[in-house]
């Protein structure tokens, strides 16, 4: 089995948006979110997916691998509007 390695300069980011797919390859969002959470607990992790009807703040039921569940279209503008309206 082939495993790809990614090097992310996490110190340059405050928010990371994860999707269900990565360039046509399957991606385990829960595993990736867990790795990022352990690497930097201050990151805001956003799971963007077509399966969500509405954007929502993630709960402890999500295993805390993400902070926000973002309904697509997952654009930076959409994320900013959602975060400003819901995280006051």
PDB file of N, CA and C in Angstrom:
ATOM      1  N   UNK A   1       0.839  -1.183   0.000  1.00  0.00           N
ATOM      2  CA  UNK A   1       0.000   0.000   0.000  1.00  0.00           C
ATOM      3  C   UNK A   1       0.879   1.238   0.000  1.00  0.00           C
ATOM      4  N   UNK A   2       0.538   2.179  -0.848  1.00  0.00           N
ATOM      5  CA  UNK A   2       1.303   3.409  -0.990  1.00  0.00           C
ATOM      6  C   UNK A   2       0.766   4.473  -0.038  1.00  0.00           C
ATOM      7  N   UNK A   3       1.649   5.088   0.693  1.00  0.00           N
ATOM      8  CA  UNK A   3       1.252   6.149   1.608  1.00  0.00           C
ATOM      9  C   UNK A   3       1.997   7.411   1.236  1.00  0.00           C
ATOM     10  N   UNK A   4       1.267   8.516   1.099  1.00  0.00           N
ATOM     11  CA  UNK A   4       1.890   9.776   0.733  1.00  0.00           C
ATOM     12  C   UNK A   4       2.243  10.573   1.976  1.00  0.00           C
ATOM     13  N   UNK A   5       3.338  11.297   1.896  1.00  0.00           N
ATOM     14  CA  UNK A   5       3.759  12.161   2.991  1.00  0.00           C
ATOM     15  C   UNK A   5       3.537  13.614   2.598  1.00  0.00           C
ATOM     16  N   UNK A   6       3.018  14.397   3.544  1.00  0.00           N
ATOM     17  CA  UNK A   6       2.796  15.814   3.315  1.00  0.00           C
ATOM     18  C   UNK A   6       3.514  16.598   4.407  1.00  0.00           C
ATOM     19  N   UNK A   7       4.173  17.649   4.009  1.00  0.00           N
ATOM     20  CA  UNK A   7       4.850  18.519   4.967  1.00  0.00           C
ATOM     21  C   UNK A   7       4.135  19.860   4.959  1.00  0.00           C
ATOM     22  N   UNK A   8       3.485  20.181   6.063  1.00  0.00           N
ATOM     23  CA  UNK A   8       2.763  21.443   6.181  1.00  0.00           C
ATOM     24  C   UNK A   8       3.459  22.338   7.206  1.00  0.00           C
ATOM     25  N   UNK A   9       3.788  23.556   6.826  1.00  0.00           N
ATOM     26  CA  UNK A   9       4.342  24.502   7.804  1.00  0.00           C
ATOM     27  C   UNK A   9       3.207  25.035   8.682  1.00  0.00           C
ATOM     28  N   UNK A  10       2.799  24.264   9.679  1.00  0.00           N
ATOM     29  CA  UNK A  10       1.618  24.587  10.470  1.00  0.00           C
ATOM     30  C   UNK A  10       1.710  25.934  11.165  1.00  0.00           C
ATOM     31  N   UNK A  11       2.919  26.386  11.457  1.00  0.00           N
ATOM     32  CA  UNK A  11       3.056  27.675  12.135  1.00  0.00           C
ATOM     33  C   UNK A  11       2.575  28.835  11.268  1.00  0.00           C
ATOM     34  N   UNK A  12       2.374  28.599   9.968  1.00  0.00           N
ATOM     35  CA  UNK A  12       1.912  29.651   9.070  1.00  0.00           C
ATOM     36  C   UNK A  12       0.383  29.706   8.976  1.00  0.00           C
ATOM     37  N   UNK A  13      -0.319  28.767   9.611  1.00  0.00           N
ATOM     38  CA  UNK A  13      -1.766  28.673   9.459  1.00  0.00           C
ATOM     39  C   UNK A  13      -2.484  28.815  10.793  1.00  0.00           C
ATOM     40  N   UNK A  14      -3.666  29.429  10.740  1.00  0.00           N
ATOM     41  CA  UNK A  14      -4.533  29.457  11.914  1.00  0.00           C
ATOM     42  C   UNK A  14      -5.771  28.593  11.683  1.00  0.00           C
ATOM     43  N   UNK A  15      -6.113  28.368  10.408  1.00  0.00           N
ATOM     44  CA  UNK A  15      -7.276  27.558  10.039  1.00  0.00           C
ATOM     45  C   UNK A  15      -6.896  26.636   8.895  1.00  0.00           C
ATOM     46  N   UNK A  16      -7.340  25.391   8.971  1.00  0.00           N
ATOM     47  CA  UNK A  16      -7.120  24.435   7.888  1.00  0.00           C
ATOM     48  C   UNK A  16      -8.471  23.869   7.483  1.00  0.00           C
ATOM     49  N   UNK A  17      -8.773  23.918   6.175  1.00  0.00           N
ATOM     50  CA  UNK A  17     -10.013  23.360   5.651  1.00  0.00           C
ATOM     51  C   UNK A  17      -9.714  21.991   5.056  1.00  0.00           C
ATOM     52  N   UNK A  18     -10.409  20.965   5.557  1.00  0.00           N
ATOM     53  CA  UNK A  18     -10.242  19.596   5.064  1.00  0.00           C
ATOM     54  C   UNK A  18     -11.510  19.211   4.301  1.00  0.00           C
ATOM     55  N   UNK A  19     -11.341  18.479   3.206  1.00  0.00           N
ATOM     56  CA  UNK A  19     -12.490  18.001   2.446  1.00  0.00           C
ATOM     57  C   UNK A  19     -12.502  16.482   2.438  1.00  0.00           C
ATOM     58  N   UNK A  20     -13.575  15.917   1.901  1.00  0.00           N
ATOM     59  CA  UNK A  20     -13.704  14.457   1.842  1.00  0.00           C
ATOM     60  C   UNK A  20     -12.760  13.840   0.821  1.00  0.00           C
ATOM     61  N   UNK A  21     -12.350  14.626  -0.170  1.00  0.00           N
ATOM     62  CA  UNK A  21     -11.538  14.088  -1.256  1.00  0.00           C
ATOM     63  C   UNK A  21     -10.278  14.913  -1.422  1.00  0.00           C
ATOM     64  N   UNK A  22      -9.244  14.264  -1.894  1.00  0.00           N
ATOM     65  CA  UNK A  22      -7.986  14.948  -2.152  1.00  0.00           C
ATOM     66  C   UNK A  22      -7.462  14.501  -3.510  1.00  0.00           C
ATOM     67  N   UNK A  23      -7.658  15.333  -4.527  1.00  0.00           N
ATOM     68  CA  UNK A  23      -7.188  15.045  -5.890  1.00  0.00           C
ATOM     69  C   UNK A  23      -7.624  13.663  -6.369  1.00  0.00           C
ATOM     70  N   UNK A  24      -8.885  13.310  -6.121  1.00  0.00           N
ATOM     71  CA  UNK A  24      -9.411  12.043  -6.598  1.00  0.00           C
ATOM     72  C   UNK A  24      -9.046  10.851  -5.744  1.00  0.00           C
ATOM     73  N   UNK A  25      -8.248  11.051  -4.696  1.00  0.00           N
ATOM     74  CA  UNK A  25      -7.858   9.952  -3.827  1.00  0.00           C
ATOM     75  C   UNK A  25      -8.696  10.001  -2.550  1.00  0.00           C
ATOM     76  N   UNK A  26      -9.076   8.841  -2.032  1.00  0.00           N
ATOM     77  CA  UNK A  26      -9.827   8.854  -0.774  1.00  0.00           C
ATOM     78  C   UNK A  26      -8.979   9.380   0.370  1.00  0.00           C
ATOM     79  N   UNK A  27      -9.621  10.062   1.297  1.00  0.00           N
ATOM     80  CA  UNK A  27      -8.911  10.676   2.413  1.00  0.00           C
ATOM     81  C   UNK A  27      -9.717  10.428   3.672  1.00  0.00           C
ATOM     82  N   UNK A  28      -9.084   9.971   4.730  1.00  0.00           N
ATOM     83  CA  UNK A  28      -9.755   9.759   6.002  1.00  0.00           C
ATOM     84  C   UNK A  28      -9.677  11.056   6.800  1.00  0.00           C
ATOM     85  N   UNK A  29     -10.747  11.833   6.731  1.00  0.00           N
ATOM     86  CA  UNK A  29     -10.760  13.156   7.355  1.00  0.00           C
ATOM     87  C   UNK A  29     -10.556  13.060   8.863  1.00  0.00           C
ATOM     88  N   UNK A  30     -11.117  12.032   9.484  1.00  0.00           N
ATOM     89  CA  UNK A  30     -10.980  11.874  10.933  1.00  0.00           C
ATOM     90  C   UNK A  30      -9.524  11.665  11.315  1.00  0.00           C
ATOM     91  N   UNK A  31      -8.816  10.806  10.581  1.00  0.00           N
ATOM     92  CA  UNK A  31      -7.400  10.566  10.869  1.00  0.00           C
ATOM     93  C   UNK A  31      -6.566  11.827  10.643  1.00  0.00           C
ATOM     94  N   UNK A  32      -6.813  12.501   9.510  1.00  0.00           N
ATOM     95  CA  UNK A  32      -6.058  13.710   9.196  1.00  0.00           C
ATOM     96  C   UNK A  32      -6.331  14.787  10.243  1.00  0.00           C
ATOM     97  N   UNK A  33      -7.602  14.953  10.612  1.00  0.00           N
ATOM     98  CA  UNK A  33      -7.953  15.938  11.628  1.00  0.00           C
ATOM     99  C   UNK A  33      -7.305  15.624  12.970  1.00  0.00           C
ATOM    100  N   UNK A  34      -7.268  14.346  13.325  1.00  0.00           N
ATOM    101  CA  UNK A  34      -6.630  13.945  14.582  1.00  0.00           C
ATOM    102  C   UNK A  34      -5.142  14.231  14.589  1.00  0.00           C
ATOM    103  N   UNK A  35      -4.485  13.977  13.457  1.00  0.00           N
ATOM    104  CA  UNK A  35      -3.048  14.250  13.341  1.00  0.00           C
ATOM    105  C   UNK A  35      -2.785  15.751  13.473  1.00  0.00           C
ATOM    106  N   UNK A  36      -3.586  16.554  12.770  1.00  0.00           N
ATOM    107  CA  UNK A  36      -3.411  18.003  12.847  1.00  0.00           C
ATOM    108  C   UNK A  36      -3.693  18.528  14.251  1.00  0.00           C
ATOM    109  N   UNK A  37      -4.709  17.967  14.912  1.00  0.00           N
ATOM    110  CA  UNK A  37      -5.057  18.391  16.283  1.00  0.00           C
ATOM    111  C   UNK A  37      -3.902  18.101  17.232  1.00  0.00           C
ATOM    112  N   UNK A  38      -3.255  16.930  17.068  1.00  0.00           N
ATOM    113  CA  UNK A  38      -2.115  16.602  17.933  1.00  0.00           C
ATOM    114  C   UNK A  38      -0.893  17.456  17.598  1.00  0.00           C
ATOM    115  N   UNK A  39      -0.740  17.831  16.329  1.00  0.00           N
ATOM    116  CA  UNK A  39       0.420  18.624  15.917  1.00  0.00           C
ATOM    117  C   UNK A  39       0.335  20.054  16.434  1.00  0.00           C
ATOM    118  N   UNK A  40      -0.886  20.624  16.437  1.00  0.00           N
ATOM    119  CA  UNK A  40      -1.051  22.008  16.908  1.00  0.00           C
ATOM    120  C   UNK A  40      -2.473  22.178  17.405  1.00  0.00           C
ATOM    121  N   UNK A  41      -2.634  22.196  18.702  1.00  0.00           N
ATOM    122  CA  UNK A  41      -3.975  22.261  19.294  1.00  0.00           C
ATOM    123  C   UNK A  41      -4.635  23.623  19.105  1.00  0.00           C
ATOM    124  N   UNK A  42      -3.880  24.625  18.650  1.00  0.00           N
ATOM    125  CA  UNK A  42      -4.450  25.958  18.437  1.00  0.00           C
ATOM    126  C   UNK A  42      -5.054  26.143  17.047  1.00  0.00           C
ATOM    127  N   UNK A  43      -4.847  25.177  16.138  1.00  0.00           N
ATOM    128  CA  UNK A  43      -5.413  25.281  14.799  1.00  0.00           C
ATOM    129  C   UNK A  43      -6.925  25.169  14.853  1.00  0.00           C
ATOM    130  N   UNK A  44      -7.622  25.945  14.003  1.00  0.00           N
ATOM    131  CA  UNK A  44      -9.055  25.750  13.813  1.00  0.00           C
ATOM    132  C   UNK A  44      -9.207  24.809  12.624  1.00  0.00           C
ATOM    133  N   UNK A  45      -9.793  23.650  12.868  1.00  0.00           N
ATOM    134  CA  UNK A  45      -9.945  22.635  11.827  1.00  0.00           C
ATOM    135  C   UNK A  45     -11.378  22.648  11.303  1.00  0.00           C
ATOM    136  N   UNK A  46     -11.504  22.776   9.989  1.00  0.00           N
ATOM    137  CA  UNK A  46     -12.802  22.884   9.340  1.00  0.00           C
ATOM    138  C   UNK A  46     -12.981  21.701   8.395  1.00  0.00           C
ATOM    139  N   UNK A  47     -14.063  20.957   8.569  1.00  0.00           N
ATOM    140  CA  UNK A  47     -14.388  19.850   7.664  1.00  0.00           C
ATOM    141  C   UNK A  47     -15.436  20.360   6.699  1.00  0.00           C
ATOM    142  N   UNK A  48     -15.071  20.500   5.432  1.00  0.00           N
ATOM    143  CA  UNK A  48     -15.977  20.981   4.400  1.00  0.00           C
ATOM    144  C   UNK A  48     -16.461  19.796   3.577  1.00  0.00           C
ATOM    145  N   UNK A  49     -17.780  19.634   3.490  1.00  0.00           N
ATOM    146  CA  UNK A  49     -18.328  18.472   2.807  1.00  0.00           C
ATOM    147  C   UNK A  49     -19.687  18.772   2.197  1.00  0.00           C
ATOM    148  N   UNK A  50     -19.967  18.118   1.081  1.00  0.00           N
ATOM    149  CA  UNK A  50     -21.273  18.231   0.446  1.00  0.00           C
ATOM    150  C   UNK A  50     -22.348  17.528   1.260  1.00  0.00           C
ATOM    151  N   UNK A  51     -21.961  16.643   2.162  1.00  0.00           N
ATOM    152  CA  UNK A  51     -22.960  15.884   2.912  1.00  0.00           C
ATOM    153  C   UNK A  51     -23.657  16.711   3.986  1.00  0.00           C
ATOM    154  N   UNK A  52     -23.102  17.876   4.353  1.00  0.00           N
ATOM    155  CA  UNK A  52     -23.721  18.716   5.361  1.00  0.00           C
ATOM    156  C   UNK A  52     -24.746  19.635   4.718  1.00  0.00           C
ATOM    157  N   UNK A  53     -25.946  19.667   5.267  1.00  0.00           N
ATOM    158  CA  UNK A  53     -26.980  20.560   4.755  1.00  0.00           C
ATOM    159  C   UNK A  53     -26.756  21.990   5.213  1.00  0.00           C
ATOM    160  N   UNK A  54     -26.266  22.147   6.437  1.00  0.00           N
ATOM    161  CA  UNK A  54     -25.991  23.465   6.998  1.00  0.00           C
ATOM    162  C   UNK A  54     -24.626  23.454   7.664  1.00  0.00           C
ATOM    163  N   UNK A  55     -23.980  24.596   7.692  1.00  0.00           N
ATOM    164  CA  UNK A  55     -22.723  24.716   8.415  1.00  0.00           C
ATOM    165  C   UNK A  55     -23.026  24.738   9.911  1.00  0.00           C
ATOM    166  N   UNK A  56     -22.152  24.138  10.698  1.00  0.00           N
ATOM    167  CA  UNK A  56     -22.390  24.059  12.138  1.00  0.00           C
ATOM    168  C   UNK A  56     -21.072  23.982  12.888  1.00  0.00           C
ATOM    169  N   UNK A  57     -21.101  24.470  14.123  1.00  0.00           N
ATOM    170  CA  UNK A  57     -19.960  24.284  15.013  1.00  0.00           C
ATOM    171  C   UNK A  57     -19.954  22.825  15.424  1.00  0.00           C
ATOM    172  N   UNK A  58     -18.810  22.179  15.327  1.00  0.00           N
ATOM    173  CA  UNK A  58     -18.710  20.764  15.667  1.00  0.00           C
ATOM    174  C   UNK A  58     -18.897  20.566  17.164  1.00  0.00           C
ATOM    175  N   UNK A  59     -19.379  19.384  17.539  1.00  0.00           N
ATOM    176  CA  UNK A  59     -19.619  19.077  18.951  1.00  0.00           C
ATOM    177  C   UNK A  59     -18.699  17.949  19.397  1.00  0.00           C
ATOM    178  N   UNK A  60     -18.777  17.604  20.662  1.00  0.00           N
ATOM    179  CA  UNK A  60     -17.952  16.509  21.170  1.00  0.00           C
ATOM    180  C   UNK A  60     -18.327  15.182  20.524  1.00  0.00           C
ATOM    181  N   UNK A  61     -19.507  15.095  19.936  1.00  0.00           N
ATOM    182  CA  UNK A  61     -19.909  13.878  19.234  1.00  0.00           C
ATOM    183  C   UNK A  61     -19.031  13.625  18.014  1.00  0.00           C
ATOM    184  N   UNK A  62     -18.393  14.679  17.503  1.00  0.00           N
ATOM    185  CA  UNK A  62     -17.524  14.554  16.336  1.00  0.00           C
ATOM    186  C   UNK A  62     -16.129  14.080  16.704  1.00  0.00           C
ATOM    187  N   UNK A  63     -15.907  13.787  17.985  1.00  0.00           N
ATOM    188  CA  UNK A  63     -14.593  13.331  18.401  1.00  0.00           C
ATOM    189  C   UNK A  63     -13.575  14.446  18.459  1.00  0.00           C
ATOM    190  N   UNK A  64     -14.033  15.681  18.278  1.00  0.00           N
ATOM    191  CA  UNK A  64     -13.171  16.862  18.330  1.00  0.00           C
ATOM    192  C   UNK A  64     -12.028  16.825  17.317  1.00  0.00           C
ATOM    193  N   UNK A  65     -12.211  16.112  16.228  1.00  0.00           N
ATOM    194  CA  UNK A  65     -11.191  16.149  15.183  1.00  0.00           C
ATOM    195  C   UNK A  65     -11.395  17.356  14.277  1.00  0.00           C
ATOM    196  N   UNK A  66     -12.519  18.066  14.448  1.00  0.00           N
ATOM    197  CA  UNK A  66     -12.738  19.309  13.711  1.00  0.00           C
ATOM    198  C   UNK A  66     -13.495  20.274  14.604  1.00  0.00           C
ATOM    199  N   UNK A  67     -13.404  21.557  14.282  1.00  0.00           N
ATOM    200  CA  UNK A  67     -14.094  22.598  15.044  1.00  0.00           C
ATOM    201  C   UNK A  67     -15.373  23.043  14.362  1.00  0.00           C
ATOM    202  N   UNK A  68     -15.369  22.990  13.026  1.00  0.00           N
ATOM    203  CA  UNK A  68     -16.503  23.466  12.241  1.00  0.00           C
ATOM    204  C   UNK A  68     -16.815  22.443  11.157  1.00  0.00           C
ATOM    205  N   UNK A  69     -18.098  22.196  10.945  1.00  0.00           N
ATOM    206  CA  UNK A  69     -18.540  21.405   9.797  1.00  0.00           C
ATOM    207  C   UNK A  69     -19.119  22.388   8.792  1.00  0.00           C
ATOM    208  N   UNK A  70     -18.437  22.576   7.682  1.00  0.00           N
ATOM    209  CA  UNK A  70     -18.779  23.612   6.713  1.00  0.00           C
ATOM    210  C   UNK A  70     -19.472  22.993   5.512  1.00  0.00           C
ATOM    211  N   UNK A  71     -20.723  23.378   5.285  1.00  0.00           N
ATOM    212  CA  UNK A  71     -21.442  22.905   4.107  1.00  0.00           C
ATOM    213  C   UNK A  71     -20.857  23.595   2.877  1.00  0.00           C
ATOM    214  N   UNK A  72     -20.673  22.835   1.806  1.00  0.00           N
ATOM    215  CA  UNK A  72     -20.123  23.415   0.589  1.00  0.00           C
ATOM    216  C   UNK A  72     -21.132  24.375  -0.023  1.00  0.00           C
ATOM    217  N   UNK A  73     -20.750  25.379  -0.781  1.00  0.00           N
ATOM    218  CA  UNK A  73     -19.408  25.606  -1.289  1.00  0.00           C
ATOM    219  C   UNK A  73     -18.460  26.095  -0.195  1.00  0.00           C
ATOM    220  N   UNK A  74     -17.302  25.475  -0.140  1.00  0.00           N
ATOM    221  CA  UNK A  74     -16.327  25.764   0.913  1.00  0.00           C
ATOM    222  C   UNK A  74     -15.333  26.801   0.414  1.00  0.00           C
ATOM    223  N   UNK A  75     -15.721  28.050   0.529  1.00  0.00           N
ATOM    224  CA  UNK A  75     -14.824  29.126   0.123  1.00  0.00           C
ATOM    225  C   UNK A  75     -14.358  29.881   1.364  1.00  0.00           C
ATOM    226  N   UNK A  76     -13.225  30.567   1.274  1.00  0.00           N
ATOM    227  CA  UNK A  76     -12.776  31.368   2.420  1.00  0.00           C
ATOM    228  C   UNK A  76     -13.809  32.412   2.837  1.00  0.00           C
ATOM    229  N   UNK A  77     -14.510  33.015   1.859  1.00  0.00           N
ATOM    230  CA  UNK A  77     -15.533  34.012   2.189  1.00  0.00           C
ATOM    231  C   UNK A  77     -16.686  33.380   2.952  1.00  0.00           C
ATOM    232  N   UNK A  78     -17.127  32.213   2.499  1.00  0.00           N
ATOM    233  CA  UNK A  78     -18.218  31.505   3.176  1.00  0.00           C
ATOM    234  C   UNK A  78     -17.810  31.157   4.599  1.00  0.00           C
ATOM    235  N   UNK A  79     -16.602  30.672   4.765  1.00  0.00           N
ATOM    236  CA  UNK A  79     -16.109  30.316   6.094  1.00  0.00           C
ATOM    237  C   UNK A  79     -16.058  31.548   6.995  1.00  0.00           C
ATOM    238  N   UNK A  80     -15.563  32.672   6.476  1.00  0.00           N
ATOM    239  CA  UNK A  80     -15.464  33.885   7.287  1.00  0.00           C
ATOM    240  C   UNK A  80     -16.843  34.357   7.747  1.00  0.00           C
ATOM    241  N   UNK A  81     -17.819  34.346   6.849  1.00  0.00           N
ATOM    242  CA  UNK A  81     -19.184  34.750   7.211  1.00  0.00           C
ATOM    243  C   UNK A  81     -19.737  33.831   8.284  1.00  0.00           C
ATOM    244  N   UNK A  82     -19.549  32.527   8.109  1.00  0.00           N
ATOM    245  CA  UNK A  82     -20.069  31.579   9.095  1.00  0.00           C
ATOM    246  C   UNK A  82     -19.412  31.790  10.461  1.00  0.00           C
ATOM    247  N   UNK A  83     -18.098  31.911  10.486  1.00  0.00           N
ATOM    248  CA  UNK A  83     -17.391  32.058  11.763  1.00  0.00           C
ATOM    249  C   UNK A  83     -17.767  33.364  12.450  1.00  0.00           C
ATOM    250  N   UNK A  84     -17.917  34.428  11.692  1.00  0.00           N
ATOM    251  CA  UNK A  84     -18.297  35.708  12.307  1.00  0.00           C
ATOM    252  C   UNK A  84     -19.703  35.640  12.915  1.00  0.00           C
ATOM    253  N   UNK A  85     -20.606  34.913  12.270  1.00  0.00           N
ATOM    254  CA  UNK A  85     -21.988  34.859  12.749  1.00  0.00           C
ATOM    255  C   UNK A  85     -22.202  33.856  13.869  1.00  0.00           C
ATOM    256  N   UNK A  86     -21.385  32.802  13.940  1.00  0.00           N
ATOM    257  CA  UNK A  86     -21.688  31.727  14.886  1.00  0.00           C
ATOM    258  C   UNK A  86     -20.755  31.657  16.087  1.00  0.00           C
ATOM    259  N   UNK A  87     -19.584  32.236  16.011  1.00  0.00           N
ATOM    260  CA  UNK A  87     -18.614  32.092  17.094  1.00  0.00           C
ATOM    261  C   UNK A  87     -18.439  33.380  17.898  1.00  0.00           C
ATOM    262  N   UNK A  88     -19.493  34.150  18.021  1.00  0.00           N
ATOM    263  CA  UNK A  88     -19.428  35.408  18.789  1.00  0.00           C
ATOM    264  C   UNK A  88     -19.503  35.137  20.261  1.00  0.00           C
TER     265      UNK A  88
END
